[in-house]
Amino acid sequence: MKNVTKIAKKSAGLSQKCSICPLMRRCTLEIHRICFDSFVEGFKKGAKAAEKEINKKFKTEQNESNNHKTAVGELNIK
């Protein structure tokens, strides 16, 4: 999650939806800034959600692996 803001700001210039904006590229600097900031915030939220999903899958796989090792260990003891 390092540099997420930096990556978001770099991507914001590439992903502007000005072509479908109802203002038709006639926005003021303030409106442009609002769109830019909105994109950056959304990007950061998406990155955070993706990280949570990856961590959740990793923990699930790790728990399944530990359960399997425990079950195999119990079979070897008997």
PDB file of N, CA and C in Angstrom:
ATOM      1  N   MET A   1       0.818  -1.197   0.000  1.00  0.00           N
ATOM      2  CA  MET A   1       0.000   0.000   0.000  1.00  0.00           C
ATOM      3  C   MET A   1       0.859   1.258   0.000  1.00  0.00           C
ATOM      4  N   LYS A   2       2.150   1.091  -0.110  1.00  0.00           N
ATOM      5  CA  LYS A   2       3.016   2.256  -0.170  1.00  0.00           C
ATOM      6  C   LYS A   2       2.788   2.988  -1.483  1.00  0.00           C
ATOM      7  N   ASN A   3       2.845   4.288  -1.417  1.00  0.00           N
ATOM      8  CA  ASN A   3       2.745   5.150  -2.591  1.00  0.00           C
ATOM      9  C   ASN A   3       1.416   5.039  -3.325  1.00  0.00           C
ATOM     10  N   VAL A   4       0.357   4.638  -2.667  1.00  0.00           N
ATOM     11  CA  VAL A   4      -0.940   4.523  -3.331  1.00  0.00           C
ATOM     12  C   VAL A   4      -1.411   5.891  -3.806  1.00  0.00           C
ATOM     13  N   THR A   5      -1.221   6.910  -2.982  1.00  0.00           N
ATOM     14  CA  THR A   5      -1.640   8.255  -3.366  1.00  0.00           C
ATOM     15  C   THR A   5      -0.864   8.731  -4.581  1.00  0.00           C
ATOM     16  N   LYS A   6       0.421   8.453  -4.604  1.00  0.00           N
ATOM     17  CA  LYS A   6       1.260   8.856  -5.733  1.00  0.00           C
ATOM     18  C   LYS A   6       0.803   8.163  -7.016  1.00  0.00           C
ATOM     19  N   ILE A   7       0.531   6.877  -6.934  1.00  0.00           N
ATOM     20  CA  ILE A   7       0.059   6.121  -8.100  1.00  0.00           C
ATOM     21  C   ILE A   7      -1.314   6.628  -8.533  1.00  0.00           C
ATOM     22  N   ALA A   8      -2.178   6.932  -7.564  1.00  0.00           N
ATOM     23  CA  ALA A   8      -3.521   7.434  -7.883  1.00  0.00           C
ATOM     24  C   ALA A   8      -3.443   8.766  -8.611  1.00  0.00           C
ATOM     25  N   LYS A   9      -2.579   9.656  -8.151  1.00  0.00           N
ATOM     26  CA  LYS A   9      -2.443  10.961  -8.801  1.00  0.00           C
ATOM     27  C   LYS A   9      -1.899  10.815 -10.213  1.00  0.00           C
ATOM     28  N   LYS A  10      -0.989   9.882 -10.401  1.00  0.00           N
ATOM     29  CA  LYS A  10      -0.436   9.652 -11.733  1.00  0.00           C
ATOM     30  C   LYS A  10      -1.510   9.074 -12.650  1.00  0.00           C
ATOM     31  N   SER A  11      -2.327   8.177 -12.133  1.00  0.00           N
ATOM     32  CA  SER A  11      -3.383   7.549 -12.925  1.00  0.00           C
ATOM     33  C   SER A  11      -4.544   8.498 -13.194  1.00  0.00           C
ATOM     34  N   ALA A  12      -4.740   9.469 -12.325  1.00  0.00           N
ATOM     35  CA  ALA A  12      -5.873  10.384 -12.470  1.00  0.00           C
ATOM     36  C   ALA A  12      -5.821  11.133 -13.792  1.00  0.00           C
ATOM     37  N   GLY A  13      -4.659  11.515 -14.219  1.00  0.00           N
ATOM     38  CA  GLY A  13      -4.536  12.227 -15.482  1.00  0.00           C
ATOM     39  C   GLY A  13      -4.846  11.352 -16.671  1.00  0.00           C
ATOM     40  N   LEU A  14      -4.671  10.054 -16.525  1.00  0.00           N
ATOM     41  CA  LEU A  14      -4.910   9.123 -17.623  1.00  0.00           C
ATOM     42  C   LEU A  14      -6.359   8.666 -17.690  1.00  0.00           C
ATOM     43  N   SER A  15      -7.086   8.787 -16.594  1.00  0.00           N
ATOM     44  CA  SER A  15      -8.419   8.189 -16.519  1.00  0.00           C
ATOM     45  C   SER A  15      -9.542   9.210 -16.367  1.00  0.00           C
ATOM     46  N   GLN A  16      -9.305  10.443 -16.700  1.00  0.00           N
ATOM     47  CA  GLN A  16     -10.361  11.447 -16.589  1.00  0.00           C
ATOM     48  C   GLN A  16     -11.490  11.116 -17.553  1.00  0.00           C
ATOM     49  N   LYS A  17     -12.688  11.319 -17.142  1.00  0.00           N
ATOM     50  CA  LYS A  17     -13.868  11.045 -17.967  1.00  0.00           C
ATOM     51  C   LYS A  17     -14.425  12.350 -18.545  1.00  0.00           C
ATOM     52  N   CYS A  18     -13.552  13.261 -18.916  1.00  0.00           N
ATOM     53  CA  CYS A  18     -13.987  14.549 -19.454  1.00  0.00           C
ATOM     54  C   CYS A  18     -14.807  14.389 -20.732  1.00  0.00           C
ATOM     55  N   SER A  19     -14.548  13.337 -21.488  1.00  0.00           N
ATOM     56  CA  SER A  19     -15.274  13.158 -22.749  1.00  0.00           C
ATOM     57  C   SER A  19     -16.756  12.866 -22.528  1.00  0.00           C
ATOM     58  N   ILE A  20     -17.119  12.319 -21.374  1.00  0.00           N
ATOM     59  CA  ILE A  20     -18.531  12.033 -21.103  1.00  0.00           C
ATOM     60  C   ILE A  20     -19.116  12.977 -20.056  1.00  0.00           C
ATOM     61  N   CYS A  21     -18.355  13.967 -19.659  1.00  0.00           N
ATOM     62  CA  CYS A  21     -18.800  14.931 -18.650  1.00  0.00           C
ATOM     63  C   CYS A  21     -19.895  15.824 -19.239  1.00  0.00           C
ATOM     64  N   PRO A  22     -20.958  16.110 -18.484  1.00  0.00           N
ATOM     65  CA  PRO A  22     -22.020  16.981 -18.998  1.00  0.00           C
ATOM     66  C   PRO A  22     -21.547  18.420 -19.231  1.00  0.00           C
ATOM     67  N   LEU A  23     -20.438  18.806 -18.653  1.00  0.00           N
ATOM     68  CA  LEU A  23     -19.916  20.162 -18.867  1.00  0.00           C
ATOM     69  C   LEU A  23     -19.156  20.286 -20.183  1.00  0.00           C
ATOM     70  N   MET A  24     -18.900  19.164 -20.831  1.00  0.00           N
ATOM     71  CA  MET A  24     -18.257  19.125 -22.147  1.00  0.00           C
ATOM     72  C   MET A  24     -16.920  19.876 -22.188  1.00  0.00           C
ATOM     73  N   ARG A  25     -16.048  19.550 -21.258  1.00  0.00           N
ATOM     74  CA  ARG A  25     -14.691  20.101 -21.191  1.00  0.00           C
ATOM     75  C   ARG A  25     -14.649  21.610 -20.930  1.00  0.00           C
ATOM     76  N   ARG A  26     -15.716  22.165 -20.432  1.00  0.00           N
ATOM     77  CA  ARG A  26     -15.735  23.592 -20.125  1.00  0.00           C
ATOM     78  C   ARG A  26     -15.778  23.794 -18.616  1.00  0.00           C
ATOM     79  N   CYS A  27     -15.010  23.027 -17.915  1.00  0.00           N
ATOM     80  CA  CYS A  27     -15.049  23.128 -16.458  1.00  0.00           C
ATOM     81  C   CYS A  27     -14.003  24.130 -15.972  1.00  0.00           C
ATOM     82  N   THR A  28     -14.290  24.688 -14.831  1.00  0.00           N
ATOM     83  CA  THR A  28     -13.356  25.623 -14.218  1.00  0.00           C
ATOM     84  C   THR A  28     -12.264  24.834 -13.508  1.00  0.00           C
ATOM     85  N   LEU A  29     -11.275  25.537 -13.043  1.00  0.00           N
ATOM     86  CA  LEU A  29     -10.180  24.903 -12.317  1.00  0.00           C
ATOM     87  C   LEU A  29     -10.692  24.205 -11.056  1.00  0.00           C
ATOM     88  N   GLU A  30     -11.668  24.821 -10.393  1.00  0.00           N
ATOM     89  CA  GLU A  30     -12.226  24.233  -9.176  1.00  0.00           C
ATOM     90  C   GLU A  30     -12.931  22.910  -9.474  1.00  0.00           C
ATOM     91  N   ILE A  31     -13.711  22.888 -10.538  1.00  0.00           N
ATOM     92  CA  ILE A  31     -14.417  21.657 -10.899  1.00  0.00           C
ATOM     93  C   ILE A  31     -13.424  20.578 -11.308  1.00  0.00           C
ATOM     94  N   HIS A  32     -12.402  20.972 -12.046  1.00  0.00           N
ATOM     95  CA  HIS A  32     -11.370  20.002 -12.435  1.00  0.00           C
ATOM     96  C   HIS A  32     -10.697  19.424 -11.194  1.00  0.00           C
ATOM     97  N   ARG A  33     -10.423  20.264 -10.218  1.00  0.00           N
ATOM     98  CA  ARG A  33      -9.780  19.817  -8.981  1.00  0.00           C
ATOM     99  C   ARG A  33     -10.694  18.852  -8.217  1.00  0.00           C
ATOM    100  N   ILE A  34     -11.986  19.141  -8.205  1.00  0.00           N
ATOM    101  CA  ILE A  34     -12.939  18.257  -7.528  1.00  0.00           C
ATOM    102  C   ILE A  34     -12.949  16.885  -8.193  1.00  0.00           C
ATOM    103  N   CYS A  35     -12.970  16.861  -9.525  1.00  0.00           N
ATOM    104  CA  CYS A  35     -12.941  15.581 -10.247  1.00  0.00           C
ATOM    105  C   CYS A  35     -11.654  14.817  -9.947  1.00  0.00           C
ATOM    106  N   PHE A  36     -10.536  15.529  -9.937  1.00  0.00           N
ATOM    107  CA  PHE A  36      -9.234  14.920  -9.672  1.00  0.00           C
ATOM    108  C   PHE A  36      -9.209  14.322  -8.271  1.00  0.00           C
ATOM    109  N   ASP A  37      -9.619  15.114  -7.281  1.00  0.00           N
ATOM    110  CA  ASP A  37      -9.622  14.642  -5.890  1.00  0.00           C
ATOM    111  C   ASP A  37     -10.572  13.462  -5.701  1.00  0.00           C
ATOM    112  N   SER A  38     -11.713  13.512  -6.368  1.00  0.00           N
ATOM    113  CA  SER A  38     -12.674  12.413  -6.282  1.00  0.00           C
ATOM    114  C   SER A  38     -12.075  11.128  -6.839  1.00  0.00           C
ATOM    115  N   PHE A  39     -11.378  11.235  -7.958  1.00  0.00           N
ATOM    116  CA  PHE A  39     -10.745  10.058  -8.542  1.00  0.00           C
ATOM    117  C   PHE A  39      -9.697   9.484  -7.592  1.00  0.00           C
ATOM    118  N   VAL A  40      -8.869  10.355  -7.019  1.00  0.00           N
ATOM    119  CA  VAL A  40      -7.809   9.901  -6.115  1.00  0.00           C
ATOM    120  C   VAL A  40      -8.411   9.191  -4.906  1.00  0.00           C
ATOM    121  N   GLU A  41      -9.460   9.751  -4.318  1.00  0.00           N
ATOM    122  CA  GLU A  41     -10.100   9.117  -3.161  1.00  0.00           C
ATOM    123  C   GLU A  41     -10.694   7.760  -3.536  1.00  0.00           C
ATOM    124  N   GLY A  42     -11.351   7.688  -4.670  1.00  0.00           N
ATOM    125  CA  GLY A  42     -11.920   6.419  -5.121  1.00  0.00           C
ATOM    126  C   GLY A  42     -10.847   5.379  -5.382  1.00  0.00           C
ATOM    127  N   PHE A  43      -9.741   5.810  -5.963  1.00  0.00           N
ATOM    128  CA  PHE A  43      -8.623   4.909  -6.243  1.00  0.00           C
ATOM    129  C   PHE A  43      -8.069   4.347  -4.940  1.00  0.00           C
ATOM    130  N   LYS A  44      -7.899   5.219  -3.939  1.00  0.00           N
ATOM    131  CA  LYS A  44      -7.366   4.776  -2.653  1.00  0.00           C
ATOM    132  C   LYS A  44      -8.319   3.794  -1.969  1.00  0.00           C
ATOM    133  N   LYS A  45      -9.628   4.058  -2.046  1.00  0.00           N
ATOM    134  CA  LYS A  45     -10.610   3.140  -1.461  1.00  0.00           C
ATOM    135  C   LYS A  45     -10.568   1.790  -2.163  1.00  0.00           C
ATOM    136  N   GLY A  46     -10.460   1.819  -3.480  1.00  0.00           N
ATOM    137  CA  GLY A  46     -10.383   0.571  -4.243  1.00  0.00           C
ATOM    138  C   GLY A  46      -9.138  -0.222  -3.910  1.00  0.00           C
ATOM    139  N   ALA A  47      -8.009   0.468  -3.762  1.00  0.00           N
ATOM    140  CA  ALA A  47      -6.757  -0.208  -3.414  1.00  0.00           C
ATOM    141  C   ALA A  47      -6.850  -0.820  -2.017  1.00  0.00           C
ATOM    142  N   LYS A  48      -7.477  -0.100  -1.103  1.00  0.00           N
ATOM    143  CA  LYS A  48      -7.627  -0.609   0.264  1.00  0.00           C
ATOM    144  C   LYS A  48      -8.539  -1.837   0.290  1.00  0.00           C
ATOM    145  N   ALA A  49      -9.628  -1.786  -0.472  1.00  0.00           N
ATOM    146  CA  ALA A  49     -10.546  -2.930  -0.541  1.00  0.00           C
ATOM    147  C   ALA A  49      -9.861  -4.136  -1.174  1.00  0.00           C
ATOM    148  N   ALA A  50      -9.066  -3.902  -2.206  1.00  0.00           N
ATOM    149  CA  ALA A  50      -8.345  -5.003  -2.857  1.00  0.00           C
ATOM    150  C   ALA A  50      -7.339  -5.625  -1.897  1.00  0.00           C
ATOM    151  N   GLU A  51      -6.659  -4.786  -1.120  1.00  0.00           N
ATOM    152  CA  GLU A  51      -5.690  -5.305  -0.154  1.00  0.00           C
ATOM    153  C   GLU A  51      -6.393  -6.154   0.911  1.00  0.00           C
ATOM    154  N   LYS A  52      -7.556  -5.705   1.381  1.00  0.00           N
ATOM    155  CA  LYS A  52      -8.311  -6.479   2.370  1.00  0.00           C
ATOM    156  C   LYS A  52      -8.712  -7.834   1.805  1.00  0.00           C
ATOM    157  N   GLU A  53      -9.157  -7.855   0.552  1.00  0.00           N
ATOM    158  CA  GLU A  53      -9.576  -9.105  -0.091  1.00  0.00           C
ATOM    159  C   GLU A  53      -8.394 -10.063  -0.223  1.00  0.00           C
ATOM    160  N   ILE A  54      -7.241  -9.548  -0.608  1.00  0.00           N
ATOM    161  CA  ILE A  54      -6.043 -10.386  -0.744  1.00  0.00           C
ATOM    162  C   ILE A  54      -5.639 -10.948   0.612  1.00  0.00           C
ATOM    163  N   ASN A  55      -5.652 -10.103   1.645  1.00  0.00           N
ATOM    164  CA  ASN A  55      -5.304 -10.565   2.991  1.00  0.00           C
ATOM    165  C   ASN A  55      -6.293 -11.616   3.484  1.00  0.00           C
ATOM    166  N   LYS A  56      -7.575 -11.432   3.182  1.00  0.00           N
ATOM    167  CA  LYS A  56      -8.604 -12.382   3.597  1.00  0.00           C
ATOM    168  C   LYS A  56      -8.367 -13.742   2.942  1.00  0.00           C
ATOM    169  N   LYS A  57      -8.064 -13.747   1.643  1.00  0.00           N
ATOM    170  CA  LYS A  57      -7.787 -14.999   0.937  1.00  0.00           C
ATOM    171  C   LYS A  57      -6.532 -15.661   1.488  1.00  0.00           C
ATOM    172  N   PHE A  58      -5.504 -14.866   1.771  1.00  0.00           N
ATOM    173  CA  PHE A  58      -4.256 -15.406   2.302  1.00  0.00           C
ATOM    174  C   PHE A  58      -4.486 -16.064   3.652  1.00  0.00           C
ATOM    175  N   LYS A  59      -5.238 -15.398   4.526  1.00  0.00           N
ATOM    176  CA  LYS A  59      -5.519 -15.960   5.850  1.00  0.00           C
ATOM    177  C   LYS A  59      -6.336 -17.243   5.743  1.00  0.00           C
ATOM    178  N   THR A  60      -7.303 -17.270   4.829  1.00  0.00           N
ATOM    179  CA  THR A  60      -8.120 -18.469   4.633  1.00  0.00           C
ATOM    180  C   THR A  60      -7.257 -19.633   4.168  1.00  0.00           C
ATOM    181  N   GLU A  61      -6.389 -19.381   3.189  1.00  0.00           N
ATOM    182  CA  GLU A  61      -5.502 -20.435   2.690  1.00  0.00           C
ATOM    183  C   GLU A  61      -4.545 -20.906   3.773  1.00  0.00           C
ATOM    184  N   GLN A  62      -4.050 -19.977   4.580  1.00  0.00           N
ATOM    185  CA  GLN A  62      -3.121 -20.323   5.649  1.00  0.00           C
ATOM    186  C   GLN A  62      -3.828 -21.182   6.702  1.00  0.00           C
ATOM    187  N   ASN A  63      -5.060 -20.834   7.053  1.00  0.00           N
ATOM    188  CA  ASN A  63      -5.818 -21.620   8.035  1.00  0.00           C
ATOM    189  C   ASN A  63      -6.120 -23.018   7.510  1.00  0.00           C
ATOM    190  N   GLU A  64      -6.476 -23.125   6.230  1.00  0.00           N
ATOM    191  CA  GLU A  64      -6.739 -24.437   5.643  1.00  0.00           C
ATOM    192  C   GLU A  64      -5.481 -25.292   5.647  1.00  0.00           C
ATOM    193  N   SER A  65      -4.350 -24.678   5.382  1.00  0.00           N
ATOM    194  CA  SER A  65      -3.083 -25.398   5.382  1.00  0.00           C
ATOM    195  C   SER A  65      -2.752 -25.895   6.787  1.00  0.00           C
ATOM    196  N   ASN A  66      -2.966 -25.056   7.793  1.00  0.00           N
ATOM    197  CA  ASN A  66      -2.704 -25.449   9.181  1.00  0.00           C
ATOM    198  C   ASN A  66      -3.651 -26.558   9.622  1.00  0.00           C
ATOM    199  N   ASN A  67      -4.915 -26.480   9.213  1.00  0.00           N
ATOM    200  CA  ASN A  67      -5.883 -27.527   9.564  1.00  0.00           C
ATOM    201  C   ASN A  67      -5.492 -28.852   8.933  1.00  0.00           C
ATOM    202  N   HIS A  68      -5.012 -28.817   7.702  1.00  0.00           N
ATOM    203  CA  HIS A  68      -4.586 -30.036   7.017  1.00  0.00           C
ATOM    204  C   HIS A  68      -3.380 -30.652   7.732  1.00  0.00           C
ATOM    205  N   LYS A  69      -2.424 -29.817   8.125  1.00  0.00           N
ATOM    206  CA  LYS A  69      -1.234 -30.321   8.827  1.00  0.00           C
ATOM    207  C   LYS A  69      -1.625 -30.944  10.158  1.00  0.00           C
ATOM    208  N   THR A  70      -2.573 -30.328  10.859  1.00  0.00           N
ATOM    209  CA  THR A  70      -3.037 -30.862  12.139  1.00  0.00           C
ATOM    210  C   THR A  70      -3.722 -32.207  11.934  1.00  0.00           C
ATOM    211  N   ALA A  71      -4.562 -32.307  10.921  1.00  0.00           N
ATOM    212  CA  ALA A  71      -5.271 -33.561  10.646  1.00  0.00           C
ATOM    213  C   ALA A  71      -4.285 -34.660  10.278  1.00  0.00           C
ATOM    214  N   VAL A  72      -3.288 -34.361   9.478  1.00  0.00           N
ATOM    215  CA  VAL A  72      -2.280 -35.350   9.097  1.00  0.00           C
ATOM    216  C   VAL A  72      -1.467 -35.753  10.316  1.00  0.00           C
ATOM    217  N   GLY A  73      -1.148 -34.808  11.177  1.00  0.00           N
ATOM    218  CA  GLY A  73      -0.405 -35.106  12.397  1.00  0.00           C
ATOM    219  C   GLY A  73      -1.182 -36.021  13.318  1.00  0.00           C
ATOM    220  N   GLU A  74      -2.494 -35.826  13.423  1.00  0.00           N
ATOM    221  CA  GLU A  74      -3.327 -36.681  14.263  1.00  0.00           C
ATOM    222  C   GLU A  74      -3.372 -38.099  13.712  1.00  0.00           C
ATOM    223  N   LEU A  75      -3.378 -38.249  12.414  1.00  0.00           N
ATOM    224  CA  LEU A  75      -3.390 -39.581  11.816  1.00  0.00           C
ATOM    225  C   LEU A  75      -2.082 -40.312  12.084  1.00  0.00           C
ATOM    226  N   ASN A  76      -0.987 -39.592  12.076  1.00  0.00           N
ATOM    227  CA  ASN A  76       0.319 -40.204  12.311  1.00  0.00           C
ATOM    228  C   ASN A  76       0.498 -40.622  13.768  1.00  0.00           C
ATOM    229  N   ILE A  77      -0.139 -39.933  14.690  1.00  0.00           N
ATOM    230  CA  ILE A  77      -0.013 -40.243  16.114  1.00  0.00           C
ATOM    231  C   ILE A  77      -0.753 -41.530  16.441  1.00  0.00           C
ATOM    232  N   LYS A  78      -1.886 -41.759  15.850  1.00  0.00           N
ATOM    233  CA  LYS A  78      -2.715 -42.927  16.170  1.00  0.00           C
ATOM    234  C   LYS A  78      -2.126 -44.119  15.604  1.00  0.00           C
TER     235      LYS A  78
END
